[in-house]
């Protein structure tokens, strides 16, 4: 059973402001106040990220554990992989509070954190102190006031190369001015050219090759998707994460007052746009590049929909706020039952089978 004291305490946590509640949840995990998943992994959920074997395709997205405080708790609760960050070379306080807002009726969140994090050195100390186990990725970014953003990403790869299972290059946060400009094809060429060269140097020195994931925004213009994905393929990225929070505000939002807050929207209202964008990326790449689907996953059905739209792996965050940490186990159960009911040996056999259907939907549907 993956219900935890955190699940039982959710009403009390919701009485706190969102950022304070999130800190309380992290402290609970640091103290070990959570239920461990002791069930044997089901073979049909086994997945891969490059050369990495994952017991299941479910991870928690960056932003949940910005400072690498609880990756082992995330794994112990039943996730197939964890991701920490986004981490920048120097510590960064981010934007002024309040910067995190709940849209409770909409099962959504708006954040404008601005890459607040402890910086490379502090996070590296924590990751060096843990006993290596499981797959733990490091999400890397650039300081807001840096003069060379690409250099910051290279610095992240070099700093964490010995402790990271993989790297996610985050160029999609809406809360660092100009960051999304790095998604333009010419900027991508420079960024990925230098990042891949840094990895190649590590491999030439005898280190293993760490998978590189690039995280995109869901607000890319449809006509730009082929050019962007072409550059990602040209640089042989190992996976594409689709996608970060959205600046769009669906007309269906009930809490229109909070919806006016600046920042990225996540949660249930982002599900349609992020899934339609995921399917477009799957079609643009012809299924040649593994995709990590995220955005609005709050049930087994929505997790399966992401897979059918093109995802090989999944990441959660806002869904946990409203559904509790037991969501991880419920998704795994749903995916296993789907495999059994449909005669699938692996959940990967479902990847992309409804991509054409999803890609035909309007992004703002």
Protein backbone atom coordinates (compact mmCIF):
# COMPACT_ATOMS: atom_id res chain seq x y z
CA UNK A 1 0.00 0.00 0.00
CA UNK A 2 1.45 3.33 -1.05
CA UNK A 3 -0.87 5.53 0.96
CA UNK A 4 1.30 7.65 3.25
CA UNK A 5 0.99 10.01 6.15
CA UNK A 6 1.42 12.73 3.57
CA UNK A 7 -1.78 11.58 1.88
CA UNK A 8 -3.62 11.63 5.19
CA UNK A 9 -2.19 15.05 5.98
CA UNK A 10 -3.21 16.63 2.67
CA UNK A 11 -6.13 18.61 4.15
CA UNK A 12 -3.70 20.16 6.65
CA UNK A 13 -1.15 20.81 3.93
CA UNK A 14 -3.79 22.57 1.85
CA UNK A 15 -4.39 24.91 4.77
CA UNK A 16 -0.81 26.15 4.31
CA UNK A 17 0.36 28.35 1.48
CA UNK A 18 1.51 26.12 -1.40
CA UNK A 19 5.25 26.67 -1.06
CA UNK A 20 5.21 26.05 2.69
CA UNK A 21 3.18 22.89 2.12
CA UNK A 22 5.67 21.67 -0.44
CA UNK A 23 8.55 22.22 1.98
CA UNK A 24 6.65 20.28 4.66
CA UNK A 25 6.20 17.39 2.24
CA UNK A 26 9.92 17.35 1.42
CA UNK A 27 10.86 17.37 5.09
CA UNK A 28 8.54 14.43 5.68
CA UNK A 29 10.29 12.49 2.95
CA UNK A 30 13.71 13.45 4.34
CA UNK A 31 12.63 12.08 7.72
CA UNK A 32 11.45 8.84 6.16
CA UNK A 33 7.76 9.44 6.83
CA UNK A 34 6.42 7.59 3.82
CA UNK A 35 5.47 4.05 2.81
CA UNK A 36 7.98 2.04 0.81
CA UNK A 37 6.84 0.08 -2.20
CA UNK A 38 7.84 -3.51 -1.42
CA UNK A 39 5.99 -5.14 -4.32
CA UNK A 40 8.02 -6.97 -6.94
CA UNK A 41 8.36 -5.04 -10.22
CA UNK A 42 6.07 -6.35 -12.96
CA UNK A 43 8.05 -7.31 -16.04
CA UNK A 44 5.52 -5.68 -18.38
CA UNK A 45 6.44 -2.25 -17.00
CA UNK A 46 10.19 -2.58 -17.55
CA UNK A 47 11.45 0.36 -19.61
CA UNK A 48 14.65 1.92 -20.90
CA UNK A 49 16.24 5.33 -21.23
CA UNK A 50 19.21 4.87 -23.50
CA UNK A 51 21.36 2.22 -21.85
CA UNK A 52 19.53 2.58 -18.53
CA UNK A 53 17.14 -0.10 -17.32
CA UNK A 54 14.09 1.17 -15.41
CA UNK A 55 11.76 -1.11 -13.44
CA UNK A 56 8.78 0.98 -14.57
CA UNK A 57 8.23 4.09 -16.73
CA UNK A 58 7.10 6.44 -13.95
CA UNK A 59 9.22 9.26 -12.54
CA UNK A 60 8.66 12.49 -10.66
CA UNK A 61 9.41 15.60 -12.68
CA UNK A 62 12.05 18.19 -11.91
CA UNK A 63 10.82 20.94 -9.62
CA UNK A 64 9.60 18.51 -6.99
CA UNK A 65 13.11 17.94 -5.62
CA UNK A 66 14.95 21.05 -6.73
CA UNK A 67 17.95 20.58 -4.43
CA UNK A 68 18.52 16.80 -4.62
CA UNK A 69 17.18 16.23 -1.13
CA UNK A 70 14.97 13.15 -1.60
CA UNK A 71 15.83 11.13 -4.73
CA UNK A 72 16.06 7.88 -2.74
CA UNK A 73 12.64 8.46 -1.19
CA UNK A 74 11.19 8.95 -4.68
CA UNK A 75 12.68 5.63 -5.78
CA UNK A 76 11.61 3.84 -2.61
CA UNK A 77 7.99 4.94 -3.10
CA UNK A 78 7.89 2.98 -6.33
CA UNK A 79 9.07 5.29 -9.09
CA UNK A 80 11.19 3.79 -11.82
CA UNK A 81 13.44 6.83 -11.87
CA UNK A 82 13.93 10.19 -10.14
CA UNK A 83 15.01 13.57 -11.43
CA UNK A 84 16.43 16.42 -9.36
CA UNK A 85 16.72 20.11 -10.18
CA UNK A 86 16.58 22.32 -12.09
CA UNK A 87 20.11 23.12 -10.87
CA UNK A 88 22.14 26.16 -11.88
CA UNK A 89 25.88 26.74 -11.34
CA UNK A 90 25.37 29.35 -8.64
CA UNK A 91 22.65 29.32 -5.97
CA UNK A 92 19.61 31.29 -7.03
CA UNK A 93 16.74 32.60 -4.90
CA UNK A 94 14.29 32.79 -7.79
CA UNK A 95 11.39 35.18 -8.04
CA UNK A 96 9.72 36.92 -5.12
CA UNK A 97 7.05 35.11 -3.13
CA UNK A 98 4.22 34.37 -3.57
CA UNK A 99 5.21 32.44 -6.68
CA UNK A 100 3.16 29.26 -6.40
CA UNK A 101 -0.62 29.25 -6.68
CA UNK A 102 -3.24 26.50 -6.44
CA UNK A 103 -6.29 26.44 -8.69
CA UNK A 104 -8.09 23.88 -6.57
CA UNK A 105 -11.30 23.67 -8.57
CA UNK A 106 -9.23 23.06 -11.69
CA UNK A 107 -6.79 20.59 -10.07
CA UNK A 108 -4.02 22.85 -11.33
CA UNK A 109 -1.05 24.93 -10.19
CA UNK A 110 0.63 28.07 -11.52
CA UNK A 111 4.28 28.63 -10.63
CA UNK A 112 6.78 31.35 -11.37
CA UNK A 113 9.61 30.05 -9.21
CA UNK A 114 12.42 31.21 -11.51
CA UNK A 115 14.87 28.31 -11.02
CA UNK A 116 15.29 28.77 -7.27
CA UNK A 117 17.84 26.20 -6.17
CA UNK A 118 20.88 25.58 -3.97
CA UNK A 119 23.39 25.58 -6.85
CA UNK A 120 25.78 22.91 -8.11
CA UNK A 121 28.07 22.62 -5.11
CA UNK A 122 25.42 21.96 -2.46
CA UNK A 123 23.49 19.51 -4.64
CA UNK A 124 26.68 17.69 -5.61
CA UNK A 125 27.54 17.23 -1.93
CA UNK A 126 24.17 15.58 -1.34
CA UNK A 127 24.40 13.32 -4.38
CA UNK A 128 27.94 12.28 -3.50
CA UNK A 129 26.78 11.34 0.00
CA UNK A 130 24.11 8.88 -1.15
CA UNK A 131 24.73 5.22 -1.91
CA UNK A 132 24.32 4.92 -5.67
CA UNK A 133 21.20 2.96 -6.59
CA UNK A 134 18.45 3.31 -9.10
CA UNK A 135 18.25 5.86 -11.89
CA UNK A 136 18.61 9.49 -10.77
CA UNK A 137 18.77 12.17 -13.42
CA UNK A 138 19.95 15.74 -13.02
CA UNK A 139 18.01 18.57 -14.65
CA UNK A 140 20.42 21.38 -15.57
CA UNK A 141 19.73 25.03 -16.32
CA UNK A 142 21.29 28.47 -16.53
CA UNK A 143 21.49 31.25 -13.98
CA UNK A 144 19.20 34.16 -14.72
CA UNK A 145 22.08 36.68 -14.86
CA UNK A 146 24.62 34.54 -16.70
CA UNK A 147 26.37 36.00 -19.73
CA UNK A 148 26.79 32.59 -21.41
CA UNK A 149 23.83 30.30 -20.91
CA UNK A 150 25.32 27.47 -22.89
CA UNK A 151 28.39 27.50 -20.64
CA UNK A 152 26.09 27.02 -17.63
CA UNK A 153 24.63 23.86 -19.17
CA UNK A 154 28.08 22.51 -19.94
CA UNK A 155 29.12 23.30 -16.37
CA UNK A 156 26.14 21.29 -15.11
CA UNK A 157 27.09 18.26 -17.16
CA UNK A 158 30.70 18.44 -16.01
CA UNK A 159 29.80 18.98 -12.34
CA UNK A 160 27.37 16.05 -12.04
CA UNK A 161 28.78 13.61 -14.58
CA UNK A 162 29.94 11.07 -12.00
CA UNK A 163 26.69 11.07 -9.99
CA UNK A 164 23.96 11.55 -12.61
CA UNK A 165 22.38 8.61 -14.41
CA UNK A 166 21.25 10.99 -17.16
CA UNK A 167 20.89 14.72 -17.81
CA UNK A 168 17.87 16.80 -18.77
CA UNK A 169 18.68 20.04 -20.58
CA UNK A 170 15.89 22.37 -19.47
CA UNK A 171 15.35 25.06 -22.09
CA UNK A 172 11.61 25.30 -21.57
CA UNK A 173 10.90 27.05 -18.29
CA UNK A 174 8.70 30.12 -18.85
CA UNK A 175 10.02 31.82 -15.72
CA UNK A 176 13.58 32.68 -16.80
CA UNK A 177 13.45 35.52 -19.36
CA UNK A 178 14.73 34.47 -22.77
CA UNK A 179 15.35 30.84 -21.82
CA UNK A 180 12.85 29.46 -24.32
CA UNK A 181 14.78 31.26 -27.07
CA UNK A 182 17.24 28.36 -26.81
CA UNK A 183 14.60 26.19 -28.52
CA UNK A 184 15.18 28.01 -31.81
CA UNK A 185 17.07 25.74 -34.25
CA UNK A 186 20.23 27.90 -34.49
CA UNK A 187 20.43 28.30 -30.72
CA UNK A 188 19.83 24.57 -30.29
CA UNK A 189 22.75 23.82 -32.59
CA UNK A 190 25.14 25.86 -30.48
CA UNK A 191 23.80 24.56 -27.17
CA UNK A 192 23.69 20.89 -28.09
CA UNK A 193 26.93 21.09 -30.02
CA UNK A 194 28.75 22.17 -26.87
CA UNK A 195 26.84 19.85 -24.52
CA UNK A 196 27.42 16.81 -26.72
CA UNK A 197 31.08 17.74 -27.15
CA UNK A 198 31.43 17.87 -23.37
CA UNK A 199 29.89 14.41 -23.07
CA UNK A 200 32.13 13.09 -25.84
CA UNK A 201 35.16 14.35 -23.93
CA UNK A 202 34.01 12.45 -20.84
CA UNK A 203 33.53 9.27 -22.86
CA UNK A 204 36.96 9.70 -24.46
CA UNK A 205 38.39 9.90 -20.94
CA UNK A 206 36.89 6.51 -20.13
CA UNK A 207 33.59 7.56 -18.55
CA UNK A 208 30.28 5.92 -19.49
CA UNK A 209 28.01 7.78 -21.91
CA UNK A 210 25.20 9.47 -19.97
CA UNK A 211 21.88 9.89 -21.82
CA UNK A 212 20.96 13.47 -22.71
CA UNK A 213 17.28 14.51 -22.60
CA UNK A 214 16.03 17.86 -23.92
CA UNK A 215 12.91 19.29 -22.29
CA UNK A 216 10.62 21.33 -24.54
CA UNK A 217 7.76 23.74 -23.92
CA UNK A 218 4.16 22.95 -24.91
CA UNK A 219 3.80 26.43 -26.40
CA UNK A 220 6.02 25.89 -29.44
CA UNK A 221 4.30 27.01 -32.64
CA UNK A 222 3.07 23.97 -34.54
CA UNK A 223 4.96 24.98 -37.67
CA UNK A 224 8.24 25.05 -35.69
CA UNK A 225 8.01 21.48 -34.38
CA UNK A 226 9.60 19.79 -37.45
CA UNK A 227 12.60 22.15 -37.49
CA UNK A 228 13.20 21.84 -33.75
CA UNK A 229 12.91 18.06 -33.68
CA UNK A 230 15.15 17.81 -36.73
CA UNK A 231 17.93 19.58 -34.83
CA UNK A 232 17.40 17.33 -31.80
CA UNK A 233 17.70 14.27 -34.01
CA UNK A 234 20.74 15.70 -35.77
CA UNK A 235 22.50 15.95 -32.41
CA UNK A 236 21.34 12.43 -31.47
CA UNK A 237 19.67 13.33 -28.20
CA UNK A 238 18.65 10.25 -26.25
CA UNK A 239 15.12 11.43 -25.43
CA UNK A 240 12.82 14.44 -25.59
CA UNK A 241 10.68 15.50 -22.62
CA UNK A 242 7.29 16.92 -23.62
CA UNK A 243 6.58 19.12 -21.89
CA UNK A 244 7.10 21.86 -19.33
CA UNK A 245 4.37 24.13 -17.96
CA UNK A 246 2.29 26.23 -20.34
CA UNK A 247 1.70 29.95 -20.58
CA UNK A 248 -1.68 29.29 -22.15
CA UNK A 249 -4.85 29.64 -20.08
CA UNK A 250 -7.69 27.38 -21.27
CA UNK A 251 -11.05 29.11 -21.40
CA UNK A 252 -12.46 26.25 -19.34
CA UNK A 253 -10.56 27.28 -16.19
CA UNK A 254 -12.96 27.86 -13.31
CA UNK A 255 -10.62 29.94 -11.18
CA UNK A 256 -10.24 32.81 -13.61
CA UNK A 257 -8.91 35.14 -10.92
CA UNK A 258 -5.91 32.98 -10.04
CA UNK A 259 -5.46 32.16 -13.72
CA UNK A 260 -4.37 35.77 -14.23
CA UNK A 261 -1.21 35.15 -12.18
CA UNK A 262 1.97 35.13 -14.27
CA UNK A 263 3.78 31.83 -14.62
CA UNK A 264 3.46 28.35 -16.02
CA UNK A 265 0.24 26.36 -15.66
CA UNK A 266 0.41 22.67 -14.82
CA UNK A 267 -2.05 20.00 -13.80
CA UNK A 268 -5.30 18.76 -15.29
CA UNK A 269 -6.02 21.77 -17.56
CA UNK A 270 -2.61 21.30 -19.23
CA UNK A 271 -3.30 17.68 -20.14
CA UNK A 272 -4.83 18.28 -23.56
CA UNK A 273 -2.23 20.72 -24.89
CA UNK A 274 0.75 18.75 -23.60
CA UNK A 275 -0.60 15.47 -24.93
CA UNK A 276 -1.42 16.93 -28.36
CA UNK A 277 2.09 18.43 -28.49
CA UNK A 278 3.58 15.09 -27.43
CA UNK A 279 1.83 13.38 -30.34
CA UNK A 280 3.08 16.03 -32.77
CA UNK A 281 6.65 15.47 -31.61
CA UNK A 282 6.18 11.69 -31.90
CA UNK A 283 5.00 12.09 -35.49
CA UNK A 284 7.75 14.57 -36.35
CA UNK A 285 10.41 12.16 -35.11
CA UNK A 286 8.71 9.11 -36.58
CA UNK A 287 8.99 7.38 -33.22
CA UNK A 288 12.77 7.28 -33.57
CA UNK A 289 13.45 9.24 -30.37
CA UNK A 290 12.02 8.11 -27.02
CA UNK A 291 9.68 10.68 -25.48
CA UNK A 292 9.01 11.46 -21.82
CA UNK A 293 5.40 12.53 -21.42
CA UNK A 294 4.24 14.88 -18.70
CA UNK A 295 1.51 17.40 -18.08
CA UNK A 296 -1.81 16.65 -16.39
CA UNK A 297 -1.18 13.02 -15.45
CA UNK A 298 -3.43 12.41 -12.46
CA UNK A 299 -4.79 8.89 -13.03
CA UNK A 300 -4.02 5.59 -14.67
CA UNK A 301 -6.17 6.59 -17.64
CA UNK A 302 -4.27 9.83 -18.27
CA UNK A 303 -0.94 8.00 -17.90
CA UNK A 304 -2.03 5.45 -20.50
CA UNK A 305 -3.21 8.25 -22.80
CA UNK A 306 0.29 9.80 -22.70
CA UNK A 307 1.82 6.46 -23.66
CA UNK A 308 -0.64 5.96 -26.50
CA UNK A 309 0.11 9.51 -27.72
CA UNK A 310 3.81 8.67 -27.98
CA UNK A 311 5.47 8.54 -24.55
CA UNK A 312 7.91 5.82 -23.55
CA UNK A 313 8.33 7.26 -20.05
CA UNK A 314 6.17 9.44 -17.80
CA UNK A 315 6.79 12.12 -15.19
CA UNK A 316 4.40 13.38 -12.52
CA UNK A 317 4.25 16.40 -10.27
CA UNK A 318 1.02 18.41 -9.96
CA UNK A 319 -1.09 15.26 -10.02
CA UNK A 320 0.61 14.21 -6.77
CA UNK A 321 -0.49 17.46 -5.13
CA UNK A 322 -4.14 16.60 -5.62
CA UNK A 323 -4.12 12.79 -5.76
CA UNK A 324 -1.43 12.02 -3.20
CA UNK A 325 1.64 9.85 -3.45
CA UNK A 326 -0.58 6.78 -3.81
CA UNK A 327 -1.07 7.91 -7.40
CA UNK A 328 2.23 6.22 -8.29
CA UNK A 329 0.94 2.78 -7.34
CA UNK A 330 -2.48 3.33 -8.92
CA UNK A 331 -0.89 4.21 -12.26
CA UNK A 332 1.31 1.14 -12.19
CA UNK A 333 -1.68 -1.07 -11.40
CA UNK A 334 -3.68 0.45 -14.26
CA UNK A 335 -0.86 -0.06 -16.75
CA UNK A 336 -0.33 -3.68 -15.69
CA UNK A 337 -4.06 -4.38 -15.98
CA UNK A 338 -4.06 -2.81 -19.44
CA UNK A 339 -1.22 -5.09 -20.52
CA UNK A 340 -3.00 -8.16 -19.18
CA UNK A 341 -6.34 -7.24 -20.76
CA UNK A 342 -4.81 -6.55 -24.16
CA UNK A 343 -2.23 -9.30 -24.34
CA UNK A 344 0.74 -6.95 -24.25
CA UNK A 345 4.08 -8.31 -23.08
CA UNK A 346 5.29 -4.76 -22.44
CA UNK A 347 3.54 -1.44 -21.90
CA UNK A 348 5.97 -0.13 -24.51
CA UNK A 349 3.89 -1.91 -27.14
CA UNK A 350 1.20 0.73 -26.55
CA UNK A 351 3.55 3.65 -27.24
CA UNK A 352 2.25 5.87 -30.03
CA UNK A 353 -0.69 3.74 -31.12
CA UNK A 354 -3.02 6.74 -30.84
CA UNK A 355 -0.46 9.39 -31.83
CA UNK A 356 -2.18 10.18 -35.14
CA UNK A 357 -5.47 10.71 -33.34
CA UNK A 358 -3.92 13.02 -30.75
CA UNK A 359 -1.82 14.91 -33.31
CA UNK A 360 -4.99 15.74 -35.25
CA UNK A 361 -6.51 17.51 -32.24
CA UNK A 362 -6.14 21.29 -31.95
CA UNK A 363 -3.69 22.32 -29.22
CA UNK A 364 -6.34 24.47 -27.57
CA UNK A 365 -9.07 21.86 -27.80
